[in-house]
Structure formats: C-alpha cells, structure tokens
PDB file of all heavy atoms in Angstrom:
ATOM      1  N   SER A   1      94.886  92.836 102.426  1.00  0.00           N
ATOM      2  CA  SER A   1      93.629  92.531 101.729  1.00  0.00           C
ATOM      3  C   SER A   1      93.026  93.798 101.130  1.00  0.00           C
ATOM      4  O   SER A   1      92.479  93.776 100.024  1.00  0.00           O
ATOM      5  CB  SER A   1      92.634  91.882 102.691  1.00  0.00           C
ATOM      6  OG  SER A   1      93.123  90.640 103.135  1.00  0.00           O
ATOM      7  N   ASN A   2      93.151  94.902 101.837  1.00  0.00           N
ATOM      8  CA  ASN A   2      92.709  96.195 101.322  1.00  0.00           C
ATOM      9  C   ASN A   2      93.502  96.555 100.069  1.00  0.00           C
ATOM     10  O   ASN A   2      92.940  97.035  99.075  1.00  0.00           O
ATOM     11  CB  ASN A   2      92.891  97.248 102.417  1.00  0.00           C
ATOM     12  CG  ASN A   2      92.279  98.581 102.088  1.00  0.00           C
ATOM     13  OD1 ASN A   2      91.874  98.855 100.973  1.00  0.00           O
ATOM     14  ND2 ASN A   2      92.226  99.442 103.074  1.00  0.00           N
ATOM     15  N   ALA A   3      94.798  96.311 100.097  1.00  0.00           N
ATOM     16  CA  ALA A   3      95.644  96.580  98.931  1.00  0.00           C
ATOM     17  C   ALA A   3      95.225  95.704  97.751  1.00  0.00           C
ATOM     18  O   ALA A   3      95.194  96.162  96.605  1.00  0.00           O
ATOM     19  CB  ALA A   3      97.114  96.347  99.284  1.00  0.00           C
ATOM     20  N   VAL A   4      94.881  94.452  98.025  1.00  0.00           N
ATOM     21  CA  VAL A   4      94.397  93.546  96.972  1.00  0.00           C
ATOM     22  C   VAL A   4      93.146  94.119  96.323  1.00  0.00           C
ATOM     23  O   VAL A   4      93.041  94.204  95.090  1.00  0.00           O
ATOM     24  CB  VAL A   4      94.088  92.137  97.550  1.00  0.00           C
ATOM     25  CG1 VAL A   4      93.287  91.291  96.565  1.00  0.00           C
ATOM     26  CG2 VAL A   4      95.364  91.433  97.958  1.00  0.00           C
ATOM     27  N   GLN A   5      92.191  94.521  97.141  1.00  0.00           N
ATOM     28  CA  GLN A   5      90.928  95.059  96.614  1.00  0.00           C
ATOM     29  C   GLN A   5      91.161  96.332  95.807  1.00  0.00           C
ATOM     30  O   GLN A   5      90.563  96.529  94.749  1.00  0.00           O
ATOM     31  CB  GLN A   5      89.955  95.320  97.763  1.00  0.00           C
ATOM     32  CG  GLN A   5      89.513  94.061  98.459  1.00  0.00           C
ATOM     33  CD  GLN A   5      88.909  94.308  99.831  1.00  0.00           C
ATOM     34  OE1 GLN A   5      88.874  95.441 100.318  1.00  0.00           O
ATOM     35  NE2 GLN A   5      88.450  93.251 100.472  1.00  0.00           N
ATOM     36  N   THR A   6      92.032  97.182  96.302  1.00  0.00           N
ATOM     37  CA  THR A   6      92.345  98.432  95.598  1.00  0.00           C
ATOM     38  C   THR A   6      92.997  98.130  94.258  1.00  0.00           C
ATOM     39  O   THR A   6      92.611  98.681  93.228  1.00  0.00           O
ATOM     40  CB  THR A   6      93.266  99.321  96.452  1.00  0.00           C
ATOM     41  OG1 THR A   6      92.598  99.626  97.670  1.00  0.00           O
ATOM     42  CG2 THR A   6      93.639 100.592  95.726  1.00  0.00           C
ATOM     43  N   LEU A   7      93.968  97.245  94.266  1.00  0.00           N
ATOM     44  CA  LEU A   7      94.667  96.893  93.036  1.00  0.00           C
ATOM     45  C   LEU A   7      93.712  96.281  92.016  1.00  0.00           C
ATOM     46  O   LEU A   7      93.743  96.632  90.837  1.00  0.00           O
ATOM     47  CB  LEU A   7      95.823  95.939  93.354  1.00  0.00           C
ATOM     48  CG  LEU A   7      96.767  95.614  92.208  1.00  0.00           C
ATOM     49  CD1 LEU A   7      97.400  96.874  91.652  1.00  0.00           C
ATOM     50  CD2 LEU A   7      97.836  94.643  92.682  1.00  0.00           C
ATOM     51  N   ALA A   8      92.845  95.414  92.477  1.00  0.00           N
ATOM     52  CA  ALA A   8      91.876  94.783  91.568  1.00  0.00           C
ATOM     53  C   ALA A   8      90.932  95.818  90.966  1.00  0.00           C
ATOM     54  O   ALA A   8      90.551  95.727  89.796  1.00  0.00           O
ATOM     55  CB  ALA A   8      91.080  93.714  92.307  1.00  0.00           C
ATOM     56  N   ARG A   9      90.574  96.815  91.741  1.00  0.00           N
ATOM     57  CA  ARG A   9      89.618  97.830  91.285  1.00  0.00           C
ATOM     58  C   ARG A   9      90.213  98.774  90.260  1.00  0.00           C
ATOM     59  O   ARG A   9      89.545  99.164  89.310  1.00  0.00           O
ATOM     60  CB  ARG A   9      89.102  98.616  92.493  1.00  0.00           C
ATOM     61  CG  ARG A   9      88.051  99.659  92.160  1.00  0.00           C
ATOM     62  CD  ARG A   9      87.405 100.229  93.402  1.00  0.00           C
ATOM     63  NE  ARG A   9      88.292 100.899  94.313  1.00  0.00           N
ATOM     64  CZ  ARG A   9      88.625 102.186  94.225  1.00  0.00           C
ATOM     65  NH1 ARG A   9      88.146 102.934  93.265  1.00  0.00           N
ATOM     66  NH2 ARG A   9      89.441 102.719  95.118  1.00  0.00           N
ATOM     67  N   ILE A  10      91.488  99.133  90.411  1.00  0.00           N
ATOM     68  CA  ILE A  10      92.050 100.180  89.552  1.00  0.00           C
ATOM     69  C   ILE A  10      93.160  99.712  88.625  1.00  0.00           C
ATOM     70  O   ILE A  10      93.571 100.453  87.746  1.00  0.00           O
ATOM     71  CB  ILE A  10      92.579 101.362  90.386  1.00  0.00           C
ATOM     72  CG1 ILE A  10      93.749 100.930  91.267  1.00  0.00           C
ATOM     73  CG2 ILE A  10      91.466 102.014  91.180  1.00  0.00           C
ATOM     74  CD1 ILE A  10      94.481 102.068  91.935  1.00  0.00           C
ATOM     75  N   GLY A  11      93.656  98.498  88.790  1.00  0.00           N
ATOM     76  CA  GLY A  11      94.874  98.088  88.102  1.00  0.00           C
ATOM     77  C   GLY A  11      94.733  97.444  86.745  1.00  0.00           C
ATOM     78  O   GLY A  11      95.721  97.243  86.052  1.00  0.00           O
ATOM     79  N   GLY A  12      93.523  97.084  86.357  1.00  0.00           N
ATOM     80  CA  GLY A  12      93.336  96.487  85.044  1.00  0.00           C
ATOM     81  C   GLY A  12      93.946  95.101  84.910  1.00  0.00           C
ATOM     82  O   GLY A  12      94.144  94.391  85.900  1.00  0.00           O
ATOM     83  N   GLU A  13      94.249  94.740  83.664  1.00  0.00           N
ATOM     84  CA  GLU A  13      94.774  93.396  83.382  1.00  0.00           C
ATOM     85  C   GLU A  13      96.142  93.145  84.000  1.00  0.00           C
ATOM     86  O   GLU A  13      96.437  92.026  84.417  1.00  0.00           O
ATOM     87  CB  GLU A  13      94.812  93.146  81.873  1.00  0.00           C
ATOM     88  CG  GLU A  13      93.441  92.901  81.272  1.00  0.00           C
ATOM     89  CD  GLU A  13      92.711  91.733  81.939  1.00  0.00           C
ATOM     90  OE1 GLU A  13      93.306  90.644  82.114  1.00  0.00           O
ATOM     91  OE2 GLU A  13      91.534  91.909  82.288  1.00  0.00           O
ATOM     92  N   SER A  14      96.988  94.154  84.059  1.00  0.00           N
ATOM     93  CA  SER A  14      98.306  93.946  84.669  1.00  0.00           C
ATOM     94  C   SER A  14      98.158  93.636  86.161  1.00  0.00           C
ATOM     95  O   SER A  14      98.929  92.853  86.723  1.00  0.00           O
ATOM     96  CB  SER A  14      99.225  95.142  84.450  1.00  0.00           C
ATOM     97  OG  SER A  14      98.726  96.291  85.086  1.00  0.00           O
ATOM     98  N   ALA A  15      97.150  94.229  86.794  1.00  0.00           N
ATOM     99  CA  ALA A  15      96.898  93.925  88.202  1.00  0.00           C
ATOM    100  C   ALA A  15      96.436  92.487  88.368  1.00  0.00           C
ATOM    101  O   ALA A  15      96.830  91.814  89.315  1.00  0.00           O
ATOM    102  CB  ALA A  15      95.856  94.881  88.775  1.00  0.00           C
ATOM    103  N   ARG A  16      95.607  92.019  87.441  1.00  0.00           N
ATOM    104  CA  ARG A  16      95.165  90.621  87.504  1.00  0.00           C
ATOM    105  C   ARG A  16      96.369  89.679  87.422  1.00  0.00           C
ATOM    106  O   ARG A  16      96.449  88.695  88.151  1.00  0.00           O
ATOM    107  CB  ARG A  16      94.163  90.313  86.399  1.00  0.00           C
ATOM    108  CG  ARG A  16      92.815  90.959  86.614  1.00  0.00           C
ATOM    109  CD  ARG A  16      91.810  90.531  85.559  1.00  0.00           C
ATOM    110  NE  ARG A  16      91.487  89.101  85.622  1.00  0.00           N
ATOM    111  CZ  ARG A  16      90.690  88.531  86.528  1.00  0.00           C
ATOM    112  NH1 ARG A  16      90.126  89.266  87.458  1.00  0.00           N
ATOM    113  NH2 ARG A  16      90.451  87.237  86.491  1.00  0.00           N
ATOM    114  N   ALA A  17      97.308  89.998  86.551  1.00  0.00           N
ATOM    115  CA  ALA A  17      98.510  89.170  86.424  1.00  0.00           C
ATOM    116  C   ALA A  17      99.333  89.219  87.712  1.00  0.00           C
ATOM    117  O   ALA A  17      99.833  88.188  88.181  1.00  0.00           O
ATOM    118  CB  ALA A  17      99.338  89.630  85.231  1.00  0.00           C
ATOM    119  N   THR A  18      99.455  90.401  88.290  1.00  0.00           N
ATOM    120  CA  THR A  18     100.189  90.562  89.549  1.00  0.00           C
ATOM    121  C   THR A  18      99.527  89.764  90.663  1.00  0.00           C
ATOM    122  O   THR A  18     100.195  89.057  91.423  1.00  0.00           O
ATOM    123  CB  THR A  18     100.270  92.053  89.935  1.00  0.00           C
ATOM    124  OG1 THR A  18     100.973  92.756  88.913  1.00  0.00           O
ATOM    125  CG2 THR A  18     100.957  92.247  91.271  1.00  0.00           C
ATOM    126  N   LEU A  19      98.197  89.861  90.757  1.00  0.00           N
ATOM    127  CA  LEU A  19      97.468  89.133  91.800  1.00  0.00           C
ATOM    128  C   LEU A  19      97.549  87.622  91.585  1.00  0.00           C
ATOM    129  O   LEU A  19      97.683  86.867  92.553  1.00  0.00           O
ATOM    130  CB  LEU A  19      96.013  89.596  91.847  1.00  0.00           C
ATOM    131  CG  LEU A  19      95.806  91.009  92.385  1.00  0.00           C
ATOM    132  CD1 LEU A  19      94.355  91.444  92.190  1.00  0.00           C
ATOM    133  CD2 LEU A  19      96.205  91.100  93.848  1.00  0.00           C
ATOM    134  N   THR A  20      97.482  87.184  90.352  1.00  0.00           N
ATOM    135  CA  THR A  20      97.591  85.753  90.054  1.00  0.00           C
ATOM    136  C   THR A  20      98.944  85.223  90.500  1.00  0.00           C
ATOM    137  O   THR A  20      99.037  84.159  91.121  1.00  0.00           O
ATOM    138  CB  THR A  20      97.365  85.492  88.552  1.00  0.00           C
ATOM    139  OG1 THR A  20      96.047  85.932  88.208  1.00  0.00           O
ATOM    140  CG2 THR A  20      97.505  84.030  88.208  1.00  0.00           C
ATOM    141  N   ALA A  21     100.000  85.962  90.194  1.00  0.00           N
ATOM    142  CA  ALA A  21     101.346  85.551  90.608  1.00  0.00           C
ATOM    143  C   ALA A  21     101.476  85.558  92.130  1.00  0.00           C
ATOM    144  O   ALA A  21     102.047  84.629  92.715  1.00  0.00           O
ATOM    145  CB  ALA A  21     102.386  86.461  89.971  1.00  0.00           C
ATOM    146  N   ALA A  22     100.950  86.583  92.770  1.00  0.00           N
ATOM    147  CA  ALA A  22     101.044  86.689  94.224  1.00  0.00           C
ATOM    148  C   ALA A  22     100.238  85.585  94.920  1.00  0.00           C
ATOM    149  O   ALA A  22     100.645  85.089  95.972  1.00  0.00           O
ATOM    150  CB  ALA A  22     100.564  88.061  94.692  1.00  0.00           C
ATOM    151  N   LEU A  23      99.131  85.191  94.326  1.00  0.00           N
ATOM    152  CA  LEU A  23      98.288  84.146  94.913  1.00  0.00           C
ATOM    153  C   LEU A  23      99.050  82.827  95.038  1.00  0.00           C
ATOM    154  O   LEU A  23      98.862  82.083  96.004  1.00  0.00           O
ATOM    155  CB  LEU A  23      97.021  83.958  94.075  1.00  0.00           C
ATOM    156  CG  LEU A  23      96.042  82.887  94.534  1.00  0.00           C
ATOM    157  CD1 LEU A  23      95.515  83.203  95.931  1.00  0.00           C
ATOM    158  CD2 LEU A  23      94.884  82.781  93.546  1.00  0.00           C
ATOM    159  N   SER A  24      99.931  82.552  94.093  1.00  0.00           N
ATOM    160  CA  SER A  24     100.651  81.272  94.115  1.00  0.00           C
ATOM    161  C   SER A  24     101.622  81.153  95.293  1.00  0.00           C
ATOM    162  O   SER A  24     101.999  80.045  95.660  1.00  0.00           O
ATOM    163  CB  SER A  24     101.390  81.059  92.798  1.00  0.00           C
ATOM    164  OG  SER A  24     102.437  81.986  92.660  1.00  0.00           O
ATOM    165  N   THR A  25     102.007  82.277  95.891  1.00  0.00           N
ATOM    166  CA  THR A  25     102.946  82.215  97.014  1.00  0.00           C
ATOM    167  C   THR A  25     102.348  82.709  98.331  1.00  0.00           C
ATOM    168  O   THR A  25     102.984  82.585  99.376  1.00  0.00           O
ATOM    169  CB  THR A  25     104.211  83.056  96.717  1.00  0.00           C
ATOM    170  OG1 THR A  25     103.830  84.412  96.480  1.00  0.00           O
ATOM    171  CG2 THR A  25     104.956  82.504  95.509  1.00  0.00           C
ATOM    172  N   GLU A  26     101.154  83.274  98.280  1.00  0.00           N
ATOM    173  CA  GLU A  26     100.516  83.815  99.494  1.00  0.00           C
ATOM    174  C   GLU A  26     100.129  82.691 100.441  1.00  0.00           C
ATOM    175  O   GLU A  26      99.589  81.674 100.017  1.00  0.00           O
ATOM    176  CB  GLU A  26      99.280  84.629  99.116  1.00  0.00           C
ATOM    177  CG  GLU A  26      98.573  85.270 100.285  1.00  0.00           C
ATOM    178  CD  GLU A  26      99.470  86.198 101.084  1.00  0.00           C
ATOM    179  OE1 GLU A  26     100.001  87.158 100.507  1.00  0.00           O
ATOM    180  OE2 GLU A  26      99.637  85.939 102.299  1.00  0.00           O
ATOM    181  N   THR A  27     100.397  82.874 101.733  1.00  0.00           N
ATOM    182  CA  THR A  27     100.078  81.848 102.723  1.00  0.00           C
ATOM    183  C   THR A  27      98.993  82.281 103.710  1.00  0.00           C
ATOM    184  O   THR A  27      98.418  81.434 104.387  1.00  0.00           O
ATOM    185  CB  THR A  27     101.338  81.457 103.523  1.00  0.00           C
ATOM    186  OG1 THR A  27     101.859  82.614 104.177  1.00  0.00           O
ATOM    187  CG2 THR A  27     102.398  80.854 102.601  1.00  0.00           C
ATOM    188  N   ARG A  28      98.724  83.561 103.803  1.00  0.00           N
ATOM    189  CA  ARG A  28      97.742  84.055 104.769  1.00  0.00           C
ATOM    190  C   ARG A  28      96.324  83.849 104.222  1.00  0.00           C
ATOM    191  O   ARG A  28      96.005  84.280 103.116  1.00  0.00           O
ATOM    192  CB  ARG A  28      97.994  85.523 105.080  1.00  0.00           C
ATOM    193  CG  ARG A  28      99.369  85.738 105.710  1.00  0.00           C
ATOM    194  CD  ARG A  28      99.771  87.157 105.750  1.00  0.00           C
ATOM    195  NE  ARG A  28      99.931  87.658 104.373  1.00  0.00           N
ATOM    196  CZ  ARG A  28     100.188  88.918 104.070  1.00  0.00           C
ATOM    197  NH1 ARG A  28     100.281  89.817 105.023  1.00  0.00           N
ATOM    198  NH2 ARG A  28     100.331  89.296 102.819  1.00  0.00           N
ATOM    199  N   VAL A  29      95.494  83.206 105.015  1.00  0.00           N
ATOM    200  CA  VAL A  29      94.142  82.843 104.590  1.00  0.00           C
ATOM    201  C   VAL A  29      93.325  84.063 104.170  1.00  0.00           C
ATOM    202  O   VAL A  29      92.661  84.053 103.131  1.00  0.00           O
ATOM    203  CB  VAL A  29      93.421  82.066 105.725  1.00  0.00           C
ATOM    204  CG1 VAL A  29      91.970  81.812 105.386  1.00  0.00           C
ATOM    205  CG2 VAL A  29      94.152  80.777 106.019  1.00  0.00           C
ATOM    206  N   THR A  30      93.366  85.112 104.951  1.00  0.00           N
ATOM    207  CA  THR A  30      92.584  86.314 104.672  1.00  0.00           C
ATOM    208  C   THR A  30      92.997  86.947 103.346  1.00  0.00           C
ATOM    209  O   THR A  30      92.150  87.347 102.540  1.00  0.00           O
ATOM    210  CB  THR A  30      92.765  87.344 105.809  1.00  0.00           C
ATOM    211  OG1 THR A  30      92.432  86.733 107.045  1.00  0.00           O
ATOM    212  CG2 THR A  30      91.919  88.575 105.600  1.00  0.00           C
ATOM    213  N   VAL A  31      94.278  87.037 103.120  1.00  0.00           N
ATOM    214  CA  VAL A  31      94.786  87.664 101.898  1.00  0.00           C
ATOM    215  C   VAL A  31      94.504  86.771 100.693  1.00  0.00           C
ATOM    216  O   VAL A  31      94.107  87.260  99.629  1.00  0.00           O
ATOM    217  CB  VAL A  31      96.284  87.994 102.031  1.00  0.00           C
ATOM    218  CG1 VAL A  31      96.808  88.673 100.770  1.00  0.00           C
ATOM    219  CG2 VAL A  31      96.532  88.869 103.256  1.00  0.00           C
ATOM    220  N   LYS A  32      94.674  85.460 100.860  1.00  0.00           N
ATOM    221  CA  LYS A  32      94.357  84.531  99.767  1.00  0.00           C
ATOM    222  C   LYS A  32      92.890  84.645  99.370  1.00  0.00           C
ATOM    223  O   LYS A  32      92.551  84.653  98.183  1.00  0.00           O
ATOM    224  CB  LYS A  32      94.667  83.083 100.177  1.00  0.00           C
ATOM    225  CG  LYS A  32      96.086  82.687 100.030  1.00  0.00           C
ATOM    226  CD  LYS A  32      96.264  81.230 100.385  1.00  0.00           C
ATOM    227  CE  LYS A  32      96.561  80.520  99.104  1.00  0.00           C
ATOM    228  NZ  LYS A  32      97.272  79.272  99.258  1.00  0.00           N
ATOM    229  N   ALA A  33      92.024  84.742 100.353  1.00  0.00           N
ATOM    230  CA  ALA A  33      90.590  84.868 100.063  1.00  0.00           C
ATOM    231  C   ALA A  33      90.308  86.160  99.307  1.00  0.00           C
ATOM    232  O   ALA A  33      89.514  86.173  98.349  1.00  0.00           O
ATOM    233  CB  ALA A  33      89.788  84.821 101.358  1.00  0.00           C
ATOM    234  N   ALA A  34      90.954  87.243  99.700  1.00  0.00           N
ATOM    235  CA  ALA A  34      90.771  88.524  98.995  1.00  0.00           C
ATOM    236  C   ALA A  34      91.269  88.412  97.561  1.00  0.00           C
ATOM    237  O   ALA A  34      90.636  88.931  96.629  1.00  0.00           O
ATOM    238  CB  ALA A  34      91.495  89.645  99.731  1.00  0.00           C
ATOM    239  N   MET A  35      92.373  87.737  97.363  1.00  0.00           N
ATOM    240  CA  MET A  35      92.911  87.554  96.004  1.00  0.00           C
ATOM    241  C   MET A  35      91.980  86.707  95.146  1.00  0.00           C
ATOM    242  O   MET A  35      91.705  87.039  93.993  1.00  0.00           O
ATOM    243  CB  MET A  35      94.299  86.922  96.063  1.00  0.00           C
ATOM    244  CG  MET A  35      95.353  87.851  96.582  1.00  0.00           C
ATOM    245  SD  MET A  35      96.957  87.007  96.723  1.00  0.00           S
ATOM    246  CE  MET A  35      98.024  88.372  97.132  1.00  0.00           C
ATOM    247  N   ARG A  36      91.495  85.625  95.724  1.00  0.00           N
ATOM    248  CA  ARG A  36      90.566  84.768  94.967  1.00  0.00           C
ATOM    249  C   ARG A  36      89.301  85.518  94.592  1.00  0.00           C
ATOM    250  O   ARG A  36      88.793  85.397  93.478  1.00  0.00           O
ATOM    251  CB  ARG A  36      90.240  83.515  95.778  1.00  0.00           C
ATOM    252  CG  ARG A  36      91.379  82.531  95.819  1.00  0.00           C
ATOM    253  CD  ARG A  36      90.949  81.212  96.451  1.00  0.00           C
ATOM    254  NE  ARG A  36      92.076  80.298  96.486  1.00  0.00           N
ATOM    255  CZ  ARG A  36      92.624  79.825  97.603  1.00  0.00           C
ATOM    256  NH1 ARG A  36      92.135  80.152  98.787  1.00  0.00           N
ATOM    257  NH2 ARG A  36      93.642  79.004  97.536  1.00  0.00           N
ATOM    258  N   GLN A  37      88.792  86.304  95.523  1.00  0.00           N
ATOM    259  CA  GLN A  37      87.588  87.095  95.244  1.00  0.00           C
ATOM    260  C   GLN A  37      87.869  88.122  94.153  1.00  0.00           C
ATOM    261  O   GLN A  37      87.053  88.322  93.259  1.00  0.00           O
ATOM    262  CB  GLN A  37      87.096  87.779  96.504  1.00  0.00           C
ATOM    263  CG  GLN A  37      85.832  88.595  96.287  1.00  0.00           C
ATOM    264  CD  GLN A  37      85.336  89.245  97.575  1.00  0.00           C
ATOM    265  OE1 GLN A  37      85.971  89.149  98.613  1.00  0.00           O
ATOM    266  NE2 GLN A  37      84.216  89.904  97.486  1.00  0.00           N
ATOM    267  N   ALA A  38      89.008  88.779  94.228  1.00  0.00           N
ATOM    268  CA  ALA A  38      89.377  89.787  93.232  1.00  0.00           C
ATOM    269  C   ALA A  38      89.543  89.186  91.845  1.00  0.00           C
ATOM    270  O   ALA A  38      89.251  89.840  90.840  1.00  0.00           O
ATOM    271  CB  ALA A  38      90.644  90.506  93.657  1.00  0.00           C
ATOM    272  N   LEU A  39      90.003  87.950  91.790  1.00  0.00           N
ATOM    273  CA  LEU A  39      90.253  87.291  90.504  1.00  0.00           C
ATOM    274  C   LEU A  39      89.059  86.514  89.981  1.00  0.00           C
ATOM    275  O   LEU A  39      89.077  86.041  88.838  1.00  0.00           O
ATOM    276  CB  LEU A  39      91.453  86.349  90.644  1.00  0.00           C
ATOM    277  CG  LEU A  39      92.796  87.056  90.885  1.00  0.00           C
ATOM    278  CD1 LEU A  39      93.865  86.038  91.289  1.00  0.00           C
ATOM    279  CD2 LEU A  39      93.215  87.835  89.646  1.00  0.00           C
ATOM    280  N   ALA A  40      88.022  86.373  90.779  1.00  0.00           N
ATOM    281  CA  ALA A  40      86.835  85.620  90.360  1.00  0.00           C
ATOM    282  C   ALA A  40      86.157  86.301  89.171  1.00  0.00           C
ATOM    283  O   ALA A  40      86.122  87.533  89.097  1.00  0.00           O
ATOM    284  CB  ALA A  40      85.844  85.498  91.519  1.00  0.00           C
ATOM    285  N   PRO A  41      85.629  85.519  88.254  1.00  0.00           N
ATOM    286  CA  PRO A  41      84.928  86.107  87.114  1.00  0.00           C
ATOM    287  C   PRO A  41      83.725  86.921  87.579  1.00  0.00           C
ATOM    288  O   PRO A  41      83.054  86.546  88.534  1.00  0.00           O
ATOM    289  CB  PRO A  41      84.464  84.897  86.295  1.00  0.00           C
ATOM    290  CG  PRO A  41      85.228  83.740  86.815  1.00  0.00           C
ATOM    291  CD  PRO A  41      85.664  84.072  88.209  1.00  0.00           C
ATOM    292  N   ARG A  42      83.517  88.019  86.930  1.00  0.00           N
ATOM    293  CA  ARG A  42      82.370  88.897  87.248  1.00  0.00           C
ATOM    294  C   ARG A  42      81.180  88.493  86.395  1.00  0.00           C
ATOM    295  O   ARG A  42      81.325  88.288  85.206  1.00  0.00           O
ATOM    296  CB  ARG A  42      82.725  90.357  86.969  1.00  0.00           C
ATOM    297  CG  ARG A  42      83.974  90.841  87.665  1.00  0.00           C
ATOM    298  CD  ARG A  42      83.642  91.326  89.053  1.00  0.00           C
ATOM    299  NE  ARG A  42      84.850  91.872  89.670  1.00  0.00           N
ATOM    300  CZ  ARG A  42      85.235  91.548  90.872  1.00  0.00           C
ATOM    301  NH1 ARG A  42      84.553  90.718  91.591  1.00  0.00           N
ATOM    302  NH2 ARG A  42      86.320  92.071  91.397  1.00  0.00           N
TER     303      ARG A  42
END
C-alpha cells in the first residue's frame, strides 16, 4: 500500500495506468483500497 501511494504521488499518468491494471488482479483488501484511493479523482 505504501508502494501504491508512492507510485501515485510521483509516477504521473503511466503510474495511473499501472495502478489501474494492477487493481484488476489485486485481491488484498488493504492494497485494493489504497489503489482505489490513489486513482480517485482529485
């Protein structure tokens, strides 16, 4: 989840694409929540 937050903060649009792809296969609740939060519109 820390890695998700870091990637979202510094990775730009390519990170958003990476997180979107990873979200589709992620099964851990905590990590999924971090991904959803990172991808939520600001």
